[in-house]
Amino acid sequence: MLAVEPDLIADHSMILSATLLPPFGVADSGTALIQPWVVLAGLGVALLSSVIPCSLDLEALRKIPPHVFGILMSLEPANAAPAQTSTG
């Protein structure tokens, strides 16, 4: 049986969606998505939603014991649920 790494699947799915979906968005909105402020806002969202949290997680993993990091990671969904309900 062939073993497939979950991270590899996630990487490929993100690359696939990043290349296949933008043409549909641009076709639907015209040139509105190509304006500089929209591109900058998109880059800002990308940094704030994935790059910064992932970097902080890796830095925390280097500085705290793995069992403490595991407990903290398991608490993230419990912290996200109230935040999501408060935003709508």
PDB file of N, CA and C in Angstrom:
ATOM      1  N   MET A   1       0.836  -1.170   0.000  1.00  0.00           N
ATOM      2  CA  MET A   1       0.000   0.000   0.000  1.00  0.00           C
ATOM      3  C   MET A   1       0.888   1.244   0.000  1.00  0.00           C
ATOM      4  N   LEU A   2       0.529   2.220  -0.776  1.00  0.00           N
ATOM      5  CA  LEU A   2       1.310   3.432  -0.936  1.00  0.00           C
ATOM      6  C   LEU A   2       0.980   4.407   0.185  1.00  0.00           C
ATOM      7  N   ALA A   3       1.990   4.859   0.914  1.00  0.00           N
ATOM      8  CA  ALA A   3       1.795   5.837   1.982  1.00  0.00           C
ATOM      9  C   ALA A   3       1.984   7.238   1.404  1.00  0.00           C
ATOM     10  N   VAL A   4       1.030   8.106   1.697  1.00  0.00           N
ATOM     11  CA  VAL A   4       1.084   9.473   1.198  1.00  0.00           C
ATOM     12  C   VAL A   4       1.145  10.411   2.395  1.00  0.00           C
ATOM     13  N   GLU A   5       2.094  11.325   2.359  1.00  0.00           N
ATOM     14  CA  GLU A   5       2.242  12.297   3.432  1.00  0.00           C
ATOM     15  C   GLU A   5       1.090  13.310   3.381  1.00  0.00           C
ATOM     16  N   PRO A   6       0.400  13.561   4.506  1.00  0.00           N
ATOM     17  CA  PRO A   6      -0.688  14.547   4.516  1.00  0.00           C
ATOM     18  C   PRO A   6      -0.224  15.952   4.149  1.00  0.00           C
ATOM     19  N   ASP A   7       0.994  16.319   4.577  1.00  0.00           N
ATOM     20  CA  ASP A   7       1.496  17.648   4.237  1.00  0.00           C
ATOM     21  C   ASP A   7       1.686  17.808   2.732  1.00  0.00           C
ATOM     22  N   LEU A   8       2.085  16.738   2.075  1.00  0.00           N
ATOM     23  CA  LEU A   8       2.283  16.777   0.632  1.00  0.00           C
ATOM     24  C   LEU A   8       0.950  16.999  -0.087  1.00  0.00           C
ATOM     25  N   ILE A   9      -0.091  16.343   0.406  1.00  0.00           N
ATOM     26  CA  ILE A   9      -1.428  16.528  -0.184  1.00  0.00           C
ATOM     27  C   ILE A   9      -1.891  17.960   0.024  1.00  0.00           C
ATOM     28  N   ALA A  10      -1.691  18.501   1.226  1.00  0.00           N
ATOM     29  CA  ALA A  10      -2.105  19.874   1.511  1.00  0.00           C
ATOM     30  C   ALA A  10      -1.345  20.862   0.633  1.00  0.00           C
ATOM     31  N   ASP A  11      -0.043  20.654   0.465  1.00  0.00           N
ATOM     32  CA  ASP A  11       0.748  21.544  -0.383  1.00  0.00           C
ATOM     33  C   ASP A  11       0.254  21.519  -1.821  1.00  0.00           C
ATOM     34  N   HIS A  12       0.026  20.322  -2.336  1.00  0.00           N
ATOM     35  CA  HIS A  12      -0.430  20.223  -3.723  1.00  0.00           C
ATOM     36  C   HIS A  12      -1.824  20.803  -3.904  1.00  0.00           C
ATOM     37  N   SER A  13      -2.699  20.619  -2.933  1.00  0.00           N
ATOM     38  CA  SER A  13      -4.049  21.164  -3.072  1.00  0.00           C
ATOM     39  C   SER A  13      -4.028  22.685  -3.023  1.00  0.00           C
ATOM     40  N   MET A  14      -3.149  23.271  -2.210  1.00  0.00           N
ATOM     41  CA  MET A  14      -3.052  24.736  -2.169  1.00  0.00           C
ATOM     42  C   MET A  14      -2.489  25.280  -3.476  1.00  0.00           C
ATOM     43  N   ILE A  15      -1.486  24.616  -4.013  1.00  0.00           N
ATOM     44  CA  ILE A  15      -0.904  25.064  -5.281  1.00  0.00           C
ATOM     45  C   ILE A  15      -1.935  24.943  -6.402  1.00  0.00           C
ATOM     46  N   LEU A  16      -2.654  23.844  -6.408  1.00  0.00           N
ATOM     47  CA  LEU A  16      -3.669  23.631  -7.436  1.00  0.00           C
ATOM     48  C   LEU A  16      -4.772  24.683  -7.354  1.00  0.00           C
ATOM     49  N   SER A  17      -5.258  24.948  -6.156  1.00  0.00           N
ATOM     50  CA  SER A  17      -6.330  25.938  -6.030  1.00  0.00           C
ATOM     51  C   SER A  17      -5.824  27.352  -6.303  1.00  0.00           C
ATOM     52  N   ALA A  18      -4.568  27.637  -5.950  1.00  0.00           N
ATOM     53  CA  ALA A  18      -4.013  28.974  -6.207  1.00  0.00           C
ATOM     54  C   ALA A  18      -3.810  29.229  -7.693  1.00  0.00           C
ATOM     55  N   THR A  19      -3.669  28.174  -8.483  1.00  0.00           N
ATOM     56  CA  THR A  19      -3.482  28.377  -9.927  1.00  0.00           C
ATOM     57  C   THR A  19      -4.782  28.246 -10.711  1.00  0.00           C
ATOM     58  N   LEU A  20      -5.716  27.448 -10.223  1.00  0.00           N
ATOM     59  CA  LEU A  20      -6.947  27.234 -10.987  1.00  0.00           C
ATOM     60  C   LEU A  20      -8.068  28.214 -10.662  1.00  0.00           C
ATOM     61  N   LEU A  21      -8.167  28.707  -9.440  1.00  0.00           N
ATOM     62  CA  LEU A  21      -9.305  29.534  -9.061  1.00  0.00           C
ATOM     63  C   LEU A  21      -9.196  31.019  -9.403  1.00  0.00           C
ATOM     64  N   PRO A  22      -8.027  31.649  -9.374  1.00  0.00           N
ATOM     65  CA  PRO A  22      -7.986  33.084  -9.683  1.00  0.00           C
ATOM     66  C   PRO A  22      -8.571  33.488 -11.035  1.00  0.00           C
ATOM     67  N   PRO A  23      -8.389  32.726 -12.103  1.00  0.00           N
ATOM     68  CA  PRO A  23      -9.018  33.170 -13.364  1.00  0.00           C
ATOM     69  C   PRO A  23     -10.541  33.311 -13.261  1.00  0.00           C
ATOM     70  N   PHE A  24     -11.186  32.469 -12.466  1.00  0.00           N
ATOM     71  CA  PHE A  24     -12.639  32.588 -12.303  1.00  0.00           C
ATOM     72  C   PHE A  24     -13.000  33.859 -11.542  1.00  0.00           C
ATOM     73  N   GLY A  25     -12.203  34.201 -10.526  1.00  0.00           N
ATOM     74  CA  GLY A  25     -12.449  35.433  -9.776  1.00  0.00           C
ATOM     75  C   GLY A  25     -12.235  36.670 -10.619  1.00  0.00           C
ATOM     76  N   VAL A  26     -11.181  36.664 -11.419  1.00  0.00           N
ATOM     77  CA  VAL A  26     -10.897  37.808 -12.283  1.00  0.00           C
ATOM     78  C   VAL A  26     -11.961  37.920 -13.367  1.00  0.00           C
ATOM     79  N   ALA A  27     -12.405  36.797 -13.894  1.00  0.00           N
ATOM     80  CA  ALA A  27     -13.454  36.833 -14.927  1.00  0.00           C
ATOM     81  C   ALA A  27     -14.760  37.376 -14.359  1.00  0.00           C
ATOM     82  N   ASP A  28     -15.049  37.070 -13.103  1.00  0.00           N
ATOM     83  CA  ASP A  28     -16.289  37.514 -12.490  1.00  0.00           C
ATOM     84  C   ASP A  28     -16.237  38.987 -12.084  1.00  0.00           C
ATOM     85  N   SER A  29     -15.077  39.451 -11.604  1.00  0.00           N
ATOM     86  CA  SER A  29     -14.992  40.819 -11.088  1.00  0.00           C
ATOM     87  C   SER A  29     -14.318  41.796 -12.048  1.00  0.00           C
ATOM     88  N   GLY A  30     -13.834  41.298 -13.157  1.00  0.00           N
ATOM     89  CA  GLY A  30     -13.170  42.178 -14.111  1.00  0.00           C
ATOM     90  C   GLY A  30     -11.816  42.618 -13.592  1.00  0.00           C
ATOM     91  N   THR A  31     -11.517  43.887 -13.736  1.00  0.00           N
ATOM     92  CA  THR A  31     -10.203  44.388 -13.320  1.00  0.00           C
ATOM     93  C   THR A  31     -10.181  44.831 -11.862  1.00  0.00           C
ATOM     94  N   ALA A  32     -11.259  44.662 -11.131  1.00  0.00           N
ATOM     95  CA  ALA A  32     -11.302  45.113  -9.734  1.00  0.00           C
ATOM     96  C   ALA A  32     -10.283  44.373  -8.875  1.00  0.00           C
ATOM     97  N   LEU A  33      -9.995  43.110  -9.174  1.00  0.00           N
ATOM     98  CA  LEU A  33      -9.031  42.349  -8.374  1.00  0.00           C
ATOM     99  C   LEU A  33      -7.585  42.685  -8.695  1.00  0.00           C
ATOM    100  N   ILE A  34      -7.345  43.380  -9.776  1.00  0.00           N
ATOM    101  CA  ILE A  34      -5.984  43.670 -10.191  1.00  0.00           C
ATOM    102  C   ILE A  34      -5.526  45.042  -9.673  1.00  0.00           C
ATOM    103  N   GLN A  35      -6.387  45.771  -9.002  1.00  0.00           N
ATOM    104  CA  GLN A  35      -6.003  47.062  -8.456  1.00  0.00           C
ATOM    105  C   GLN A  35      -4.959  46.861  -7.359  1.00  0.00           C
ATOM    106  N   PRO A  36      -3.980  47.765  -7.264  1.00  0.00           N
ATOM    107  CA  PRO A  36      -2.882  47.582  -6.307  1.00  0.00           C
ATOM    108  C   PRO A  36      -3.334  47.430  -4.850  1.00  0.00           C
ATOM    109  N   TRP A  37      -4.339  48.202  -4.423  1.00  0.00           N
ATOM    110  CA  TRP A  37      -4.754  48.100  -3.023  1.00  0.00           C
ATOM    111  C   TRP A  37      -5.395  46.750  -2.728  1.00  0.00           C
ATOM    112  N   VAL A  38      -6.044  46.147  -3.713  1.00  0.00           N
ATOM    113  CA  VAL A  38      -6.646  44.829  -3.512  1.00  0.00           C
ATOM    114  C   VAL A  38      -5.552  43.768  -3.400  1.00  0.00           C
ATOM    115  N   VAL A  39      -4.532  43.878  -4.232  1.00  0.00           N
ATOM    116  CA  VAL A  39      -3.410  42.939  -4.172  1.00  0.00           C
ATOM    117  C   VAL A  39      -2.692  43.061  -2.835  1.00  0.00           C
ATOM    118  N   LEU A  40      -2.450  44.293  -2.375  1.00  0.00           N
ATOM    119  CA  LEU A  40      -1.804  44.495  -1.076  1.00  0.00           C
ATOM    120  C   LEU A  40      -2.659  43.969   0.070  1.00  0.00           C
ATOM    121  N   ALA A  41      -3.954  44.174  -0.004  1.00  0.00           N
ATOM    122  CA  ALA A  41      -4.837  43.640   1.033  1.00  0.00           C
ATOM    123  C   ALA A  41      -4.802  42.118   1.034  1.00  0.00           C
ATOM    124  N   GLY A  42      -4.776  41.512  -0.130  1.00  0.00           N
ATOM    125  CA  GLY A  42      -4.684  40.059  -0.214  1.00  0.00           C
ATOM    126  C   GLY A  42      -3.386  39.528   0.362  1.00  0.00           C
ATOM    127  N   LEU A  43      -2.277  40.217   0.077  1.00  0.00           N
ATOM    128  CA  LEU A  43      -0.993  39.812   0.659  1.00  0.00           C
ATOM    129  C   LEU A  43      -1.005  39.968   2.172  1.00  0.00           C
ATOM    130  N   GLY A  44      -1.638  41.029   2.654  1.00  0.00           N
ATOM    131  CA  GLY A  44      -1.749  41.233   4.102  1.00  0.00           C
ATOM    132  C   GLY A  44      -2.544  40.130   4.770  1.00  0.00           C
ATOM    133  N   VAL A  45      -3.642  39.748   4.163  1.00  0.00           N
ATOM    134  CA  VAL A  45      -4.448  38.649   4.706  1.00  0.00           C
ATOM    135  C   VAL A  45      -3.659  37.351   4.681  1.00  0.00           C
ATOM    136  N   ALA A  46      -2.919  37.115   3.617  1.00  0.00           N
ATOM    137  CA  ALA A  46      -2.112  35.899   3.522  1.00  0.00           C
ATOM    138  C   ALA A  46      -1.079  35.849   4.635  1.00  0.00           C
ATOM    139  N   LEU A  47      -0.410  36.972   4.886  1.00  0.00           N
ATOM    140  CA  LEU A  47       0.597  37.006   5.945  1.00  0.00           C
ATOM    141  C   LEU A  47      -0.026  36.823   7.318  1.00  0.00           C
ATOM    142  N   LEU A  48      -1.114  37.518   7.570  1.00  0.00           N
ATOM    143  CA  LEU A  48      -1.725  37.458   8.897  1.00  0.00           C
ATOM    144  C   LEU A  48      -2.413  36.130   9.177  1.00  0.00           C
ATOM    145  N   SER A  49      -2.873  35.448   8.146  1.00  0.00           N
ATOM    146  CA  SER A  49      -3.633  34.224   8.377  1.00  0.00           C
ATOM    147  C   SER A  49      -2.802  32.960   8.360  1.00  0.00           C
ATOM    148  N   SER A  50      -1.633  32.975   7.737  1.00  0.00           N
ATOM    149  CA  SER A  50      -0.885  31.723   7.677  1.00  0.00           C
ATOM    150  C   SER A  50       0.596  31.866   7.979  1.00  0.00           C
ATOM    151  N   VAL A  51       1.276  32.807   7.381  1.00  0.00           N
ATOM    152  CA  VAL A  51       2.730  32.897   7.521  1.00  0.00           C
ATOM    153  C   VAL A  51       3.128  33.253   8.951  1.00  0.00           C
ATOM    154  N   ILE A  52       2.521  34.275   9.516  1.00  0.00           N
ATOM    155  CA  ILE A  52       2.897  34.700  10.863  1.00  0.00           C
ATOM    156  C   ILE A  52       2.524  33.646  11.906  1.00  0.00           C
ATOM    157  N   PRO A  53       1.280  33.112  11.922  1.00  0.00           N
ATOM    158  CA  PRO A  53       0.975  32.085  12.923  1.00  0.00           C
ATOM    159  C   PRO A  53       1.846  30.835  12.806  1.00  0.00           C
ATOM    160  N   CYS A  54       2.131  30.410  11.592  1.00  0.00           N
ATOM    161  CA  CYS A  54       2.967  29.224  11.412  1.00  0.00           C
ATOM    162  C   CYS A  54       4.384  29.483  11.906  1.00  0.00           C
ATOM    163  N   SER A  55       4.914  30.664  11.630  1.00  0.00           N
ATOM    164  CA  SER A  55       6.251  31.018  12.108  1.00  0.00           C
ATOM    165  C   SER A  55       6.290  31.061  13.633  1.00  0.00           C
ATOM    166  N   LEU A  56       5.246  31.610  14.233  1.00  0.00           N
ATOM    167  CA  LEU A  56       5.198  31.658  15.696  1.00  0.00           C
ATOM    168  C   LEU A  56       5.082  30.260  16.291  1.00  0.00           C
ATOM    169  N   ASP A  57       4.310  29.383  15.647  1.00  0.00           N
ATOM    170  CA  ASP A  57       4.209  27.996  16.116  1.00  0.00           C
ATOM    171  C   ASP A  57       5.559  27.293  16.078  1.00  0.00           C
ATOM    172  N   LEU A  58       6.293  27.485  14.995  1.00  0.00           N
ATOM    173  CA  LEU A  58       7.609  26.856  14.888  1.00  0.00           C
ATOM    174  C   LEU A  58       8.578  27.401  15.924  1.00  0.00           C
ATOM    175  N   GLU A  59       8.509  28.688  16.169  1.00  0.00           N
ATOM    176  CA  GLU A  59       9.385  29.291  17.182  1.00  0.00           C
ATOM    177  C   GLU A  59       9.027  28.780  18.579  1.00  0.00           C
ATOM    178  N   ALA A  60       7.744  28.642  18.856  1.00  0.00           N
ATOM    179  CA  ALA A  60       7.319  28.103  20.156  1.00  0.00           C
ATOM    180  C   ALA A  60       7.754  26.652  20.302  1.00  0.00           C
ATOM    181  N   LEU A  61       7.682  25.885  19.233  1.00  0.00           N
ATOM    182  CA  LEU A  61       8.080  24.478  19.284  1.00  0.00           C
ATOM    183  C   LEU A  61       9.569  24.349  19.615  1.00  0.00           C
ATOM    184  N   ARG A  62      10.361  25.299  19.186  1.00  0.00           N
ATOM    185  CA  ARG A  62      11.797  25.268  19.504  1.00  0.00           C
ATOM    186  C   ARG A  62      12.078  25.610  20.961  1.00  0.00           C
ATOM    187  N   LYS A  63      11.202  26.409  21.578  1.00  0.00           N
ATOM    188  CA  LYS A  63      11.504  26.939  22.910  1.00  0.00           C
ATOM    189  C   LYS A  63      10.797  26.227  24.052  1.00  0.00           C
ATOM    190  N   ILE A  64       9.699  25.528  23.801  1.00  0.00           N
ATOM    191  CA  ILE A  64       8.987  24.855  24.888  1.00  0.00           C
ATOM    192  C   ILE A  64       9.007  23.349  24.654  1.00  0.00           C
ATOM    193  N   PRO A  65       8.815  22.573  25.713  1.00  0.00           N
ATOM    194  CA  PRO A  65       8.825  21.115  25.559  1.00  0.00           C
ATOM    195  C   PRO A  65       7.699  20.642  24.631  1.00  0.00           C
ATOM    196  N   PRO A  66       7.943  19.567  23.903  1.00  0.00           N
ATOM    197  CA  PRO A  66       6.933  19.081  22.947  1.00  0.00           C
ATOM    198  C   PRO A  66       5.579  18.741  23.585  1.00  0.00           C
ATOM    199  N   HIS A  67       5.576  18.197  24.803  1.00  0.00           N
ATOM    200  CA  HIS A  67       4.288  17.840  25.404  1.00  0.00           C
ATOM    201  C   HIS A  67       3.475  19.093  25.752  1.00  0.00           C
ATOM    202  N   VAL A  68       4.130  20.176  26.135  1.00  0.00           N
ATOM    203  CA  VAL A  68       3.426  21.432  26.403  1.00  0.00           C
ATOM    204  C   VAL A  68       2.905  22.017  25.093  1.00  0.00           C
ATOM    205  N   PHE A  69       3.722  21.954  24.054  1.00  0.00           N
ATOM    206  CA  PHE A  69       3.296  22.454  22.744  1.00  0.00           C
ATOM    207  C   PHE A  69       2.078  21.678  22.248  1.00  0.00           C
ATOM    208  N   GLY A  70       2.069  20.368  22.444  1.00  0.00           N
ATOM    209  CA  GLY A  70       0.923  19.548  22.030  1.00  0.00           C
ATOM    210  C   GLY A  70      -0.351  19.941  22.743  1.00  0.00           C
ATOM    211  N   ILE A  71      -0.252  20.222  24.029  1.00  0.00           N
ATOM    212  CA  ILE A  71      -1.434  20.650  24.788  1.00  0.00           C
ATOM    213  C   ILE A  71      -1.930  21.999  24.283  1.00  0.00           C
ATOM    214  N   LEU A  72      -1.002  22.921  24.060  1.00  0.00           N
ATOM    215  CA  LEU A  72      -1.397  24.239  23.563  1.00  0.00           C
ATOM    216  C   LEU A  72      -2.042  24.153  22.180  1.00  0.00           C
ATOM    217  N   MET A  73      -1.504  23.294  21.319  1.00  0.00           N
ATOM    218  CA  MET A  73      -2.093  23.130  19.987  1.00  0.00           C
ATOM    219  C   MET A  73      -3.484  22.518  20.068  1.00  0.00           C
ATOM    220  N   SER A  74      -3.695  21.629  21.017  1.00  0.00           N
ATOM    221  CA  SER A  74      -5.022  21.018  21.147  1.00  0.00           C
ATOM    222  C   SER A  74      -6.046  22.012  21.688  1.00  0.00           C
ATOM    223  N   LEU A  75      -5.593  23.076  22.339  1.00  0.00           N
ATOM    224  CA  LEU A  75      -6.513  24.095  22.851  1.00  0.00           C
ATOM    225  C   LEU A  75      -6.887  25.140  21.809  1.00  0.00           C
ATOM    226  N   GLU A  76      -6.181  25.182  20.692  1.00  0.00           N
ATOM    227  CA  GLU A  76      -6.467  26.193  19.665  1.00  0.00           C
ATOM    228  C   GLU A  76      -7.913  26.148  19.148  1.00  0.00           C
ATOM    229  N   PRO A  77      -8.478  24.973  18.835  1.00  0.00           N
ATOM    230  CA  PRO A  77      -9.878  24.979  18.385  1.00  0.00           C
ATOM    231  C   PRO A  77     -10.844  25.500  19.446  1.00  0.00           C
ATOM    232  N   ALA A  78     -10.550  25.233  20.714  1.00  0.00           N
ATOM    233  CA  ALA A  78     -11.413  25.730  21.784  1.00  0.00           C
ATOM    234  C   ALA A  78     -11.343  27.245  21.890  1.00  0.00           C
ATOM    235  N   ASN A  79     -10.201  27.823  21.564  1.00  0.00           N
ATOM    236  CA  ASN A  79     -10.078  29.280  21.568  1.00  0.00           C
ATOM    237  C   ASN A  79     -10.671  29.895  20.304  1.00  0.00           C
ATOM    238  N   ALA A  80     -10.655  29.162  19.218  1.00  0.00           N
ATOM    239  CA  ALA A  80     -11.157  29.702  17.959  1.00  0.00           C
ATOM    240  C   ALA A  80     -12.680  29.745  17.920  1.00  0.00           C
ATOM    241  N   ALA A  81     -13.327  28.826  18.579  1.00  0.00           N
ATOM    242  CA  ALA A  81     -14.789  28.747  18.526  1.00  0.00           C
ATOM    243  C   ALA A  81     -15.444  30.024  19.088  1.00  0.00           C
ATOM    244  N   PRO A  82     -15.081  30.499  20.295  1.00  0.00           N
ATOM    245  CA  PRO A  82     -15.690  31.760  20.769  1.00  0.00           C
ATOM    246  C   PRO A  82     -15.334  32.955  19.892  1.00  0.00           C
ATOM    247  N   ALA A  83     -14.126  32.958  19.344  1.00  0.00           N
ATOM    248  CA  ALA A  83     -13.741  34.076  18.478  1.00  0.00           C
ATOM    249  C   ALA A  83     -14.599  34.084  17.214  1.00  0.00           C
ATOM    250  N   GLN A  84     -14.895  32.926  16.672  1.00  0.00           N
ATOM    251  CA  GLN A  84     -15.716  32.854  15.464  1.00  0.00           C
ATOM    252  C   GLN A  84     -17.149  33.264  15.755  1.00  0.00           C
ATOM    253  N   THR A  85     -17.686  32.848  16.879  1.00  0.00           N
ATOM    254  CA  THR A  85     -19.077  33.206  17.175  1.00  0.00           C
ATOM    255  C   THR A  85     -19.217  34.694  17.480  1.00  0.00           C
ATOM    256  N   SER A  86     -18.157  35.330  17.989  1.00  0.00           N
ATOM    257  CA  SER A  86     -18.244  36.747  18.278  1.00  0.00           C
ATOM    258  C   SER A  86     -18.115  37.599  17.017  1.00  0.00           C
ATOM    259  N   THR A  87     -17.505  37.058  15.970  1.00  0.00           N
ATOM    260  CA  THR A  87     -17.351  37.842  14.745  1.00  0.00           C
ATOM    261  C   THR A  87     -18.470  37.596  13.739  1.00  0.00           C
ATOM    262  N   GLY A  88     -19.265  36.607  13.984  1.00  0.00           N
ATOM    263  CA  GLY A  88     -20.391  36.529  13.143  1.00  0.00           C
ATOM    264  C   GLY A  88     -20.718  35.368  12.380  1.00  0.00           C
TER     265      GLY A  88
END
